[in-house]
Protein backbone atom coordinates (compact mmCIF):
# COMPACT_ATOMS: atom_id res chain seq x y z
CA UNK A 1 18.28 41.89 11.98
CA UNK A 2 18.82 38.63 9.66
CA UNK A 3 18.04 34.95 10.27
CA UNK A 4 19.63 31.93 8.41
CA UNK A 5 17.99 28.61 9.49
CA UNK A 6 20.67 25.49 8.31
CA UNK A 7 21.29 22.49 10.30
CA UNK A 8 24.65 20.98 11.47
CA UNK A 9 25.85 18.45 13.61
CA UNK A 10 28.89 18.94 15.63
CA UNK A 11 30.51 16.01 17.73
CA UNK A 12 32.76 16.26 20.92
CA UNK A 13 36.18 14.66 20.13
CA UNK A 14 36.30 12.70 23.37
CA UNK A 15 32.42 11.72 23.15
CA UNK A 16 33.48 7.83 25.00
CA UNK A 17 35.43 9.61 27.93
CA UNK A 18 34.46 8.71 30.90
CA UNK A 19 35.60 11.33 33.86
CA UNK A 20 37.35 10.71 36.74
CA UNK A 21 34.70 9.42 39.47
CA UNK A 22 31.67 8.97 37.00
CA UNK A 23 29.64 5.98 36.29
CA UNK A 24 27.98 5.59 32.73
CA UNK A 25 23.92 5.33 32.93
CA UNK A 26 21.30 5.77 29.85
CA UNK A 27 18.79 7.24 31.71
CA UNK A 28 18.58 11.34 32.18
CA UNK A 29 17.26 11.78 35.77
CA UNK A 30 15.86 14.79 37.25
CA UNK A 31 17.29 16.64 39.65
CA UNK A 32 16.14 20.49 40.12
CA UNK A 33 16.02 22.55 43.09
CA UNK A 34 12.79 24.43 43.82
CA UNK A 35 9.39 23.80 41.90
CA UNK A 36 9.72 23.39 37.59
CA UNK A 37 7.85 26.21 35.81
CA UNK A 38 6.16 25.57 33.38
CA UNK A 39 6.74 28.58 30.50
CA UNK A 40 4.93 28.65 27.17
CA UNK A 41 5.97 29.66 24.35
CA UNK A 42 4.15 32.25 23.56
CA UNK A 43 5.41 33.70 26.94
CA UNK A 44 9.49 33.01 26.37
CA UNK A 45 11.22 35.50 24.95
CA UNK A 46 15.46 35.76 25.62
CA UNK A 47 17.44 38.72 26.25
CA UNK A 48 20.87 38.99 25.16
CA UNK A 49 22.98 41.70 27.06
CA UNK A 50 26.13 43.52 28.90
CA UNK A 51 29.47 44.00 27.62
CA UNK A 52 28.31 43.67 23.73
CA UNK A 53 28.04 45.95 20.65
CA UNK A 54 23.92 45.33 19.95
CA UNK A 55 21.63 43.99 23.45
CA UNK A 56 18.82 41.97 21.30
CA UNK A 57 15.70 40.69 22.78
CA UNK A 58 14.02 37.62 20.83
CA UNK A 59 10.76 35.33 21.19
CA UNK A 60 10.12 32.36 20.26
CA UNK A 61 9.62 33.13 15.90
CA UNK A 62 12.56 34.70 15.90
CA UNK A 63 14.88 32.19 17.86
CA UNK A 64 13.03 29.52 16.01
CA UNK A 65 14.92 31.46 12.62
CA UNK A 66 18.06 31.43 14.21
CA UNK A 67 20.71 29.15 12.45
CA UNK A 68 20.18 25.66 13.84
CA UNK A 69 22.83 22.94 15.28
CA UNK A 70 23.07 19.72 16.60
CA UNK A 71 25.70 18.67 19.28
CA UNK A 72 26.28 14.97 19.81
CA UNK A 73 28.15 15.54 23.14
CA UNK A 74 28.02 13.32 26.80
CA UNK A 75 26.30 15.02 29.87
CA UNK A 76 28.30 14.74 33.12
CA UNK A 77 26.18 15.12 36.17
CA UNK A 78 27.94 16.62 39.02
CA UNK A 79 26.48 13.74 41.57
CA UNK A 80 28.72 10.94 39.51
CA UNK A 81 26.43 10.02 37.09
CA UNK A 82 27.36 10.16 32.90
CA UNK A 83 25.22 9.98 30.14
CA UNK A 84 27.45 9.44 27.54
CA UNK A 85 24.81 9.95 23.83
CA UNK A 86 22.78 13.09 23.42
CA UNK A 87 21.84 15.06 20.87
CA UNK A 88 21.07 18.88 21.71
CA UNK A 89 19.26 20.66 19.22
CA UNK A 90 19.49 24.46 19.53
CA UNK A 91 21.11 27.73 18.52
CA UNK A 92 25.28 27.36 19.69
CA UNK A 93 26.27 30.58 21.88
CA UNK A 94 28.91 31.26 19.32
CA UNK A 95 25.96 32.17 16.79
CA UNK A 96 24.55 34.74 19.35
CA UNK A 97 27.79 35.65 19.50
CA UNK A 98 27.86 36.53 15.53
CA UNK A 99 24.90 38.58 15.97
CA UNK A 100 25.38 40.55 19.62
CA UNK A 101 29.30 41.03 19.17
CA UNK A 102 30.65 40.70 22.84
CA UNK A 103 33.38 43.72 23.62
CA UNK A 104 36.70 42.41 24.67
CA UNK A 105 36.09 43.54 27.73
CA UNK A 106 33.57 40.54 28.11
CA UNK A 107 35.45 38.05 29.91
CA UNK A 108 32.37 35.73 31.11
CA UNK A 109 29.03 34.40 30.26
CA UNK A 110 26.21 34.30 33.41
CA UNK A 111 22.62 32.42 32.28
CA UNK A 112 19.84 34.14 33.82
CA UNK A 113 16.60 31.68 34.10
CA UNK A 114 13.16 31.63 35.40
CA UNK A 115 13.02 31.03 39.02
CA UNK A 116 16.13 33.27 40.18
CA UNK A 117 18.37 30.50 39.32
CA UNK A 118 21.71 31.59 37.36
CA UNK A 119 24.94 30.05 36.49
CA UNK A 120 28.27 31.43 35.21
CA UNK A 121 31.11 30.16 32.94
CA UNK A 122 34.12 31.79 30.98
CA UNK A 123 33.44 33.08 27.88
CA UNK A 124 35.77 31.10 26.00
CA UNK A 125 33.76 28.12 27.24
CA UNK A 126 30.63 29.79 26.17
CA UNK A 127 32.39 30.05 22.51
CA UNK A 128 33.83 27.08 22.07
CA UNK A 129 31.41 25.91 19.08
CA UNK A 130 29.85 23.81 21.37
CA UNK A 131 28.02 25.23 24.07
CA UNK A 132 24.48 25.98 23.03
CA UNK A 133 21.09 26.90 24.25
CA UNK A 134 18.57 23.95 23.07
CA UNK A 135 14.81 23.44 22.80
CA UNK A 136 15.40 19.45 21.91
CA UNK A 137 17.19 16.79 23.00
CA UNK A 138 17.31 13.04 21.25
CA UNK A 139 14.96 14.51 19.07
CA UNK A 140 12.29 15.17 21.08
CA UNK A 141 11.46 18.78 22.51
CA UNK A 142 12.76 19.33 26.11
CA UNK A 143 10.19 18.87 28.76
CA UNK A 144 9.60 21.44 31.49
CA UNK A 145 11.46 19.07 33.86
CA UNK A 146 14.50 19.05 31.94
CA UNK A 147 14.21 22.80 31.34
CA UNK A 148 12.71 23.33 28.28
CA UNK A 149 11.47 25.18 26.47
CA UNK A 150 14.88 26.25 27.00
CA UNK A 151 17.98 25.38 28.28
CA UNK A 152 21.78 26.54 28.01
CA UNK A 153 24.39 22.93 27.29
CA UNK A 154 27.91 23.78 27.86
CA UNK A 155 29.70 20.18 27.72
CA UNK A 156 32.84 21.10 29.16
CA UNK A 157 31.71 21.84 32.50
CA UNK A 158 29.57 19.90 34.62
CA UNK A 159 25.68 19.47 34.16
CA UNK A 160 24.48 21.98 36.59
CA UNK A 161 26.40 25.01 34.38
CA UNK A 162 23.76 23.66 31.80
CA UNK A 163 21.13 26.12 33.40
CA UNK A 164 17.60 25.31 32.76
CA UNK A 165 14.64 27.87 31.80
CA UNK A 166 16.72 30.06 30.24
CA UNK A 167 15.54 33.84 30.09
CA UNK A 168 19.02 36.18 29.19
CA UNK A 169 22.19 35.51 28.80
CA UNK A 170 24.53 38.47 30.01
CA UNK A 171 28.32 39.61 28.76
CA UNK A 172 30.24 40.40 31.42
CA UNK A 173 33.10 42.19 32.32
CA UNK A 174 33.52 40.68 36.35
CA UNK A 175 32.11 37.33 37.57
CA UNK A 176 29.22 36.67 39.42
CA UNK A 177 28.70 33.18 40.65
CA UNK A 178 25.90 31.53 40.40
CA UNK A 179 22.33 30.22 42.49
CA UNK A 180 24.84 26.78 43.16
CA UNK A 181 28.76 28.98 43.04
CA UNK A 182 27.37 30.44 45.81
CA UNK A 183 26.29 27.15 47.90
CA UNK A 184 29.58 25.60 47.45
CA UNK A 185 29.91 24.56 44.62
CA UNK A 186 33.11 24.38 42.11
CA UNK A 187 32.98 28.24 40.50
CA UNK A 188 34.14 26.43 37.29
CA UNK A 189 33.19 23.02 37.70
CA UNK A 190 35.62 21.15 35.22
CA UNK A 191 34.95 17.71 35.81
CA UNK A 192 37.91 16.31 33.87
CA UNK A 193 39.97 17.95 37.63
CA UNK A 194 36.37 17.33 39.32
CA UNK A 195 36.32 20.22 40.28
CA UNK A 196 32.75 19.56 42.07
CA UNK A 197 33.07 21.69 44.97
CA UNK A 198 34.91 24.76 46.67
CA UNK A 199 38.09 23.37 47.27
CA UNK A 200 37.64 24.09 51.04
CA UNK A 201 35.21 21.99 50.54
CA UNK A 202 36.55 19.05 48.85
């Protein structure tokens, strides 16, 4: 397996736009259900598997040798706050995709996390060139409260789709609604459409 480190900066075209139903804040509230795990980088592992040609497992040193990117994107929480300016640094999911090579049968990406949390996104969102596995926010390593050492960042969806404390990425042929989705949150979570909850609950 060959690794290459290279920094690129990607900026969302709609970085100044505020979606319907949102208000802007410069704060970054911590919203977590259940206890916050404290995961050391020595113990952390990332498994990428499922409908792929090459399943892999990376430790921290291997992950850090992958190409690194920075995305400058807003973060929109389903609880109606939006933080417009965020610099996330990490590994794009497209970079992982080049390593594992998702099969044509892969239609969804499932992020699996410490604490039995998971969430799901369509593969086209996972591979949109902006979604990433981040370890830094605004130049600082992520704290445990904000999902460190690694979290997903999915700029095209509400914040609960950006899963904290990620340990595995599964490419799946079937959809697998996660922790909040099975508890009433919308399965897709598109903030431009205000997809906050199941239609039956809206």
